[in-house]
Amino acid sequence: MTPEEIDRQKRYLHISKLLHTASKSYENASLGIIQGNAEVEIYKQVKDANELIELIYDECLPPRRSTPLLSIPKKRDYTILKIIGIAGIVLGCLYAFVVLGPTGDLSKTWKTEDLQKNVAYPK
């Protein structure tokens, strides 16, 4: 036999001994239930058997990868763009009012004579 086959045989024998020990622990737990032993003892037997089985699966099988759940598509966040857009519209309206003149600044349309008439003391 090659060295790889000898190592594989030793590994299989080790796994079979662990399975046998786990099986005996489960049998002892079932007998404990029948005989009315304390739950702590039964729990200990089952826990030992479970640890042995986990050890066997860690040796035999590759580690399990958690499968991702359905991926939720990420929505783009446009709140900053909305805020900038609204601010741009407001500032654009204010700038248009200043440039076009409906802001109440009558200094462009008034003449000095109109100002003197309107400011004159009533007679």
N, C-alpha and C. Protein backbone atom coordinates (compact mmCIF):
# COMPACT_ATOMS: atom_id res chain seq x y z
N MET A 1 0.85 -1.19 0.00
CA MET A 1 0.00 0.00 0.00
C MET A 1 0.89 1.24 0.00
N THR A 2 0.37 2.25 -0.66
CA THR A 2 1.12 3.51 -0.72
C THR A 2 0.89 4.29 0.57
N PRO A 3 1.76 5.25 0.84
CA PRO A 3 1.57 6.06 2.06
C PRO A 3 0.24 6.81 2.09
N GLU A 4 -0.25 7.23 0.92
CA GLU A 4 -1.55 7.93 0.89
C GLU A 4 -2.68 6.99 1.30
N GLU A 5 -2.61 5.76 0.82
CA GLU A 5 -3.65 4.79 1.18
C GLU A 5 -3.59 4.45 2.66
N ILE A 6 -2.40 4.37 3.23
CA ILE A 6 -2.27 4.09 4.66
C ILE A 6 -2.84 5.25 5.48
N ASP A 7 -2.54 6.48 5.07
CA ASP A 7 -3.10 7.64 5.78
C ASP A 7 -4.62 7.66 5.67
N ARG A 8 -5.14 7.33 4.47
CA ARG A 8 -6.59 7.31 4.28
C ARG A 8 -7.23 6.24 5.14
N GLN A 9 -6.59 5.07 5.24
CA GLN A 9 -7.12 3.99 6.07
C GLN A 9 -7.13 4.40 7.54
N LYS A 10 -6.09 5.05 8.01
CA LYS A 10 -6.04 5.51 9.40
C LYS A 10 -7.13 6.53 9.67
N ARG A 11 -7.33 7.43 8.69
CA ARG A 11 -8.37 8.45 8.86
C ARG A 11 -9.75 7.81 8.93
N TYR A 12 -10.00 6.84 8.08
CA TYR A 12 -11.30 6.15 8.09
C TYR A 12 -11.50 5.38 9.39
N LEU A 13 -10.46 4.74 9.89
CA LEU A 13 -10.58 4.03 11.17
C LEU A 13 -10.87 5.00 12.30
N HIS A 14 -10.22 6.17 12.27
CA HIS A 14 -10.47 7.18 13.29
C HIS A 14 -11.92 7.67 13.23
N ILE A 15 -12.41 7.88 12.02
CA ILE A 15 -13.80 8.32 11.85
C ILE A 15 -14.76 7.25 12.32
N SER A 16 -14.47 5.98 12.01
CA SER A 16 -15.38 4.91 12.45
C SER A 16 -15.39 4.80 13.97
N LYS A 17 -14.25 4.99 14.63
CA LYS A 17 -14.22 4.96 16.10
C LYS A 17 -15.02 6.11 16.68
N LEU A 18 -14.89 7.28 16.06
CA LEU A 18 -15.68 8.43 16.55
C LEU A 18 -17.17 8.19 16.37
N LEU A 19 -17.55 7.62 15.23
CA LEU A 19 -18.97 7.31 15.01
C LEU A 19 -19.47 6.27 16.00
N HIS A 20 -18.65 5.28 16.29
CA HIS A 20 -19.03 4.27 17.27
C HIS A 20 -19.22 4.90 18.65
N THR A 21 -18.30 5.78 19.02
CA THR A 21 -18.41 6.46 20.32
C THR A 21 -19.67 7.33 20.36
N ALA A 22 -19.97 8.03 19.26
CA ALA A 22 -21.17 8.86 19.21
C ALA A 22 -22.42 7.99 19.31
N SER A 23 -22.39 6.85 18.62
CA SER A 23 -23.53 5.93 18.68
C SER A 23 -23.74 5.43 20.11
N LYS A 24 -22.66 5.09 20.80
CA LYS A 24 -22.78 4.64 22.19
C LYS A 24 -23.32 5.75 23.08
N SER A 25 -22.92 6.99 22.83
CA SER A 25 -23.44 8.09 23.63
C SER A 25 -24.94 8.26 23.43
N TYR A 26 -25.40 8.14 22.16
CA TYR A 26 -26.84 8.21 21.91
C TYR A 26 -27.58 7.05 22.56
N GLU A 27 -26.99 5.86 22.52
CA GLU A 27 -27.62 4.72 23.18
C GLU A 27 -27.72 4.93 24.69
N ASN A 28 -26.66 5.46 25.28
CA ASN A 28 -26.68 5.74 26.72
C ASN A 28 -27.74 6.79 27.05
N ALA A 29 -27.90 7.78 26.17
CA ALA A 29 -28.92 8.80 26.40
C ALA A 29 -30.32 8.18 26.34
N SER A 30 -30.53 7.30 25.36
CA SER A 30 -31.86 6.67 25.25
C SER A 30 -32.12 5.75 26.44
N LEU A 31 -31.10 5.04 26.90
CA LEU A 31 -31.27 4.20 28.10
C LEU A 31 -31.53 5.06 29.33
N GLY A 32 -30.88 6.22 29.38
CA GLY A 32 -31.12 7.13 30.50
C GLY A 32 -32.54 7.63 30.53
N ILE A 33 -33.13 7.84 29.35
CA ILE A 33 -34.54 8.26 29.29
C ILE A 33 -35.44 7.13 29.81
N ILE A 34 -35.14 5.91 29.36
CA ILE A 34 -35.95 4.76 29.78
C ILE A 34 -35.83 4.53 31.29
N GLN A 35 -34.62 4.65 31.82
CA GLN A 35 -34.39 4.39 33.24
C GLN A 35 -34.78 5.57 34.13
N GLY A 36 -35.07 6.70 33.52
CA GLY A 36 -35.50 7.86 34.29
C GLY A 36 -34.34 8.62 34.92
N ASN A 37 -33.20 8.63 34.27
CA ASN A 37 -32.05 9.38 34.79
C ASN A 37 -32.33 10.88 34.72
N ALA A 38 -31.47 11.64 35.35
CA ALA A 38 -31.63 13.10 35.36
C ALA A 38 -31.42 13.65 33.95
N GLU A 39 -32.13 14.74 33.65
CA GLU A 39 -32.03 15.37 32.34
C GLU A 39 -30.63 15.88 32.06
N VAL A 40 -29.91 16.24 33.11
CA VAL A 40 -28.55 16.76 32.94
C VAL A 40 -27.65 15.69 32.35
N GLU A 41 -27.77 14.46 32.84
CA GLU A 41 -26.95 13.36 32.35
C GLU A 41 -27.30 13.04 30.89
N ILE A 42 -28.59 13.04 30.59
CA ILE A 42 -29.03 12.75 29.22
C ILE A 42 -28.52 13.84 28.28
N TYR A 43 -28.65 15.07 28.72
CA TYR A 43 -28.19 16.20 27.91
C TYR A 43 -26.69 16.11 27.67
N LYS A 44 -25.94 15.70 28.67
CA LYS A 44 -24.49 15.57 28.54
C LYS A 44 -24.14 14.51 27.50
N GLN A 45 -24.83 13.37 27.52
CA GLN A 45 -24.58 12.31 26.55
C GLN A 45 -24.87 12.78 25.12
N VAL A 46 -25.99 13.45 24.95
CA VAL A 46 -26.37 13.93 23.62
C VAL A 46 -25.39 15.00 23.15
N LYS A 47 -24.99 15.87 24.06
CA LYS A 47 -24.05 16.94 23.70
C LYS A 47 -22.71 16.35 23.28
N ASP A 48 -22.22 15.34 23.99
CA ASP A 48 -20.96 14.68 23.62
C ASP A 48 -21.07 14.03 22.24
N ALA A 49 -22.19 13.38 21.99
CA ALA A 49 -22.38 12.73 20.69
C ALA A 49 -22.44 13.77 19.57
N ASN A 50 -23.13 14.86 19.81
CA ASN A 50 -23.22 15.91 18.79
C ASN A 50 -21.85 16.52 18.51
N GLU A 51 -21.04 16.73 19.54
CA GLU A 51 -19.70 17.28 19.34
C GLU A 51 -18.84 16.33 18.51
N LEU A 52 -18.96 15.02 18.77
CA LEU A 52 -18.20 14.04 17.98
C LEU A 52 -18.64 14.05 16.52
N ILE A 53 -19.93 14.14 16.29
CA ILE A 53 -20.42 14.16 14.91
C ILE A 53 -19.97 15.44 14.20
N GLU A 54 -20.01 16.56 14.90
CA GLU A 54 -19.51 17.79 14.29
C GLU A 54 -18.03 17.68 13.97
N LEU A 55 -17.27 17.05 14.84
CA LEU A 55 -15.85 16.84 14.60
C LEU A 55 -15.64 15.97 13.36
N ILE A 56 -16.46 14.95 13.20
CA ILE A 56 -16.36 14.07 12.03
C ILE A 56 -16.68 14.85 10.76
N TYR A 57 -17.75 15.62 10.80
CA TYR A 57 -18.12 16.38 9.61
C TYR A 57 -17.10 17.45 9.28
N ASP A 58 -16.47 18.03 10.27
CA ASP A 58 -15.42 19.00 10.00
C ASP A 58 -14.23 18.35 9.33
N GLU A 59 -13.95 17.08 9.66
CA GLU A 59 -12.85 16.37 9.03
C GLU A 59 -13.21 15.92 7.62
N CYS A 60 -14.44 15.46 7.42
CA CYS A 60 -14.83 14.84 6.14
C CYS A 60 -15.28 15.86 5.11
N LEU A 61 -16.12 16.76 5.52
CA LEU A 61 -16.75 17.66 4.58
C LEU A 61 -16.10 19.04 4.64
N PRO A 62 -16.08 19.73 3.52
CA PRO A 62 -15.59 21.12 3.57
C PRO A 62 -16.58 21.98 4.36
N PRO A 63 -16.12 23.09 4.90
CA PRO A 63 -17.03 23.93 5.70
C PRO A 63 -18.17 24.46 4.84
N ARG A 64 -19.33 24.52 5.46
CA ARG A 64 -20.51 25.00 4.74
C ARG A 64 -20.44 26.50 4.57
N ARG A 65 -20.78 26.94 3.39
CA ARG A 65 -20.87 28.38 3.14
C ARG A 65 -22.32 28.78 3.29
N SER A 66 -22.51 29.85 3.95
CA SER A 66 -23.89 30.31 4.11
C SER A 66 -24.35 30.87 2.77
N THR A 67 -25.49 30.39 2.33
CA THR A 67 -26.03 30.88 1.07
C THR A 67 -26.70 32.22 1.31
N PRO A 68 -26.40 33.19 0.49
CA PRO A 68 -27.02 34.49 0.71
C PRO A 68 -28.51 34.43 0.38
N LEU A 69 -29.28 35.15 1.12
CA LEU A 69 -30.70 35.24 0.84
C LEU A 69 -30.89 36.07 -0.41
N LEU A 70 -32.11 36.23 -0.82
CA LEU A 70 -32.37 37.05 -1.99
C LEU A 70 -31.79 38.43 -1.77
N SER A 71 -31.00 38.85 -2.72
CA SER A 71 -30.37 40.16 -2.56
C SER A 71 -31.40 41.24 -2.88
N ILE A 72 -31.46 42.18 -2.01
CA ILE A 72 -32.39 43.30 -2.19
C ILE A 72 -31.68 44.35 -3.01
N PRO A 73 -32.25 44.73 -4.15
CA PRO A 73 -31.56 45.74 -4.96
C PRO A 73 -31.51 47.07 -4.22
N LYS A 74 -30.36 47.68 -4.29
CA LYS A 74 -30.20 48.96 -3.60
C LYS A 74 -30.76 50.08 -4.46
N LYS A 75 -31.58 50.89 -3.85
CA LYS A 75 -32.13 52.03 -4.56
C LYS A 75 -31.15 53.18 -4.45
N ARG A 76 -31.05 53.93 -5.51
CA ARG A 76 -30.16 55.10 -5.46
C ARG A 76 -30.82 56.18 -4.64
N ASP A 77 -29.99 56.88 -3.91
CA ASP A 77 -30.50 57.94 -3.05
C ASP A 77 -30.36 59.27 -3.77
N TYR A 78 -31.50 59.83 -4.14
CA TYR A 78 -31.50 61.08 -4.89
C TYR A 78 -31.84 62.28 -4.02
N THR A 79 -31.81 62.13 -2.71
CA THR A 79 -32.23 63.25 -1.85
C THR A 79 -31.31 64.44 -2.00
N ILE A 80 -30.01 64.21 -2.12
CA ILE A 80 -29.09 65.34 -2.25
C ILE A 80 -29.33 66.06 -3.57
N LEU A 81 -29.56 65.28 -4.64
CA LEU A 81 -29.84 65.91 -5.92
C LEU A 81 -31.16 66.69 -5.88
N LYS A 82 -32.14 66.17 -5.17
CA LYS A 82 -33.42 66.89 -5.05
C LYS A 82 -33.23 68.20 -4.31
N ILE A 83 -32.46 68.17 -3.22
CA ILE A 83 -32.23 69.39 -2.44
C ILE A 83 -31.48 70.41 -3.28
N ILE A 84 -30.45 69.96 -4.00
CA ILE A 84 -29.69 70.89 -4.84
C ILE A 84 -30.56 71.43 -5.96
N GLY A 85 -31.42 70.59 -6.53
CA GLY A 85 -32.32 71.04 -7.60
C GLY A 85 -33.31 72.09 -7.10
N ILE A 86 -33.92 71.83 -5.94
CA ILE A 86 -34.89 72.80 -5.40
C ILE A 86 -34.19 74.11 -5.06
N ALA A 87 -33.00 74.02 -4.46
CA ALA A 87 -32.26 75.25 -4.14
C ALA A 87 -31.88 76.00 -5.41
N GLY A 88 -31.52 75.28 -6.46
CA GLY A 88 -31.18 75.92 -7.74
C GLY A 88 -32.39 76.62 -8.35
N ILE A 89 -33.55 75.98 -8.26
CA ILE A 89 -34.77 76.60 -8.81
C ILE A 89 -35.10 77.88 -8.04
N VAL A 90 -35.04 77.83 -6.71
CA VAL A 90 -35.34 79.01 -5.90
C VAL A 90 -34.35 80.13 -6.19
N LEU A 91 -33.06 79.80 -6.22
CA LEU A 91 -32.05 80.83 -6.50
C LEU A 91 -32.19 81.36 -7.93
N GLY A 92 -32.56 80.50 -8.88
CA GLY A 92 -32.78 80.94 -10.26
C GLY A 92 -33.95 81.91 -10.35
N CYS A 93 -35.04 81.61 -9.63
CA CYS A 93 -36.20 82.53 -9.62
C CYS A 93 -35.81 83.88 -9.01
N LEU A 94 -35.09 83.85 -7.91
CA LEU A 94 -34.68 85.12 -7.30
C LEU A 94 -33.75 85.91 -8.22
N TYR A 95 -32.85 85.24 -8.88
CA TYR A 95 -31.96 85.94 -9.81
C TYR A 95 -32.75 86.52 -10.98
N ALA A 96 -33.75 85.77 -11.48
CA ALA A 96 -34.57 86.27 -12.58
C ALA A 96 -35.36 87.50 -12.13
N PHE A 97 -35.87 87.50 -10.91
CA PHE A 97 -36.58 88.67 -10.40
C PHE A 97 -35.66 89.87 -10.33
N VAL A 98 -34.43 89.68 -9.93
CA VAL A 98 -33.50 90.80 -9.81
C VAL A 98 -33.13 91.33 -11.18
N VAL A 99 -32.87 90.44 -12.13
CA VAL A 99 -32.44 90.87 -13.46
C VAL A 99 -33.59 91.50 -14.23
N LEU A 100 -34.77 90.93 -14.18
CA LEU A 100 -35.90 91.42 -14.97
C LEU A 100 -36.60 92.60 -14.32
N GLY A 101 -36.44 92.80 -13.04
CA GLY A 101 -36.96 94.00 -12.42
C GLY A 101 -38.25 93.93 -11.67
N PRO A 102 -38.96 92.86 -11.51
CA PRO A 102 -40.20 92.91 -10.75
C PRO A 102 -39.99 92.78 -9.23
N THR A 103 -38.86 93.25 -8.75
CA THR A 103 -38.57 93.07 -7.33
C THR A 103 -38.93 94.28 -6.50
N GLY A 104 -39.47 95.30 -7.10
CA GLY A 104 -39.82 96.49 -6.35
C GLY A 104 -38.72 97.55 -6.40
N ASP A 105 -37.67 97.30 -7.13
CA ASP A 105 -36.61 98.29 -7.27
C ASP A 105 -37.00 99.22 -8.41
N LEU A 106 -37.59 100.34 -8.04
CA LEU A 106 -38.11 101.26 -9.04
C LEU A 106 -37.06 102.30 -9.44
N SER A 107 -35.86 102.20 -8.98
CA SER A 107 -34.84 103.19 -9.30
C SER A 107 -34.48 103.15 -10.78
N LYS A 108 -34.75 102.04 -11.47
CA LYS A 108 -34.45 101.96 -12.90
C LYS A 108 -35.47 102.74 -13.73
N THR A 109 -36.71 102.80 -13.26
CA THR A 109 -37.76 103.45 -14.05
C THR A 109 -38.05 104.87 -13.58
N TRP A 110 -37.64 105.23 -12.40
CA TRP A 110 -37.91 106.57 -11.89
C TRP A 110 -36.89 107.55 -12.43
N LYS A 111 -37.35 108.79 -12.50
CA LYS A 111 -36.46 109.89 -12.88
C LYS A 111 -36.34 110.82 -11.69
N THR A 112 -35.40 111.67 -11.72
CA THR A 112 -35.18 112.57 -10.58
C THR A 112 -36.35 113.52 -10.39
N GLU A 113 -37.03 113.89 -11.44
CA GLU A 113 -38.19 114.78 -11.30
C GLU A 113 -39.32 114.08 -10.54
N ASP A 114 -39.53 112.81 -10.85
CA ASP A 114 -40.57 112.05 -10.14
C ASP A 114 -40.24 111.96 -8.66
N LEU A 115 -38.98 111.80 -8.36
CA LEU A 115 -38.56 111.70 -6.97
C LEU A 115 -38.81 113.02 -6.25
N GLN A 116 -38.51 114.11 -6.89
CA GLN A 116 -38.72 115.42 -6.26
C GLN A 116 -40.21 115.71 -6.04
N LYS A 117 -41.05 115.27 -6.96
CA LYS A 117 -42.48 115.48 -6.80
C LYS A 117 -43.03 114.65 -5.64
N ASN A 118 -42.59 113.47 -5.54
CA ASN A 118 -43.14 112.57 -4.53
C ASN A 118 -42.62 112.87 -3.12
N VAL A 119 -41.46 113.51 -3.04
CA VAL A 119 -40.87 113.77 -1.74
C VAL A 119 -41.23 115.17 -1.24
N ALA A 120 -41.77 115.98 -2.08
CA ALA A 120 -42.06 117.39 -1.74
C ALA A 120 -43.07 117.47 -0.60
N TYR A 121 -42.90 118.48 0.26
CA TYR A 121 -43.79 118.72 1.37
C TYR A 121 -45.14 119.19 0.86
N PRO A 122 -46.22 118.61 1.34
CA PRO A 122 -47.54 119.02 0.83
C PRO A 122 -47.83 120.48 1.19
N LYS A 123 -48.51 121.20 0.32
CA LYS A 123 -48.83 122.62 0.53
C LYS A 123 -50.14 122.82 1.17
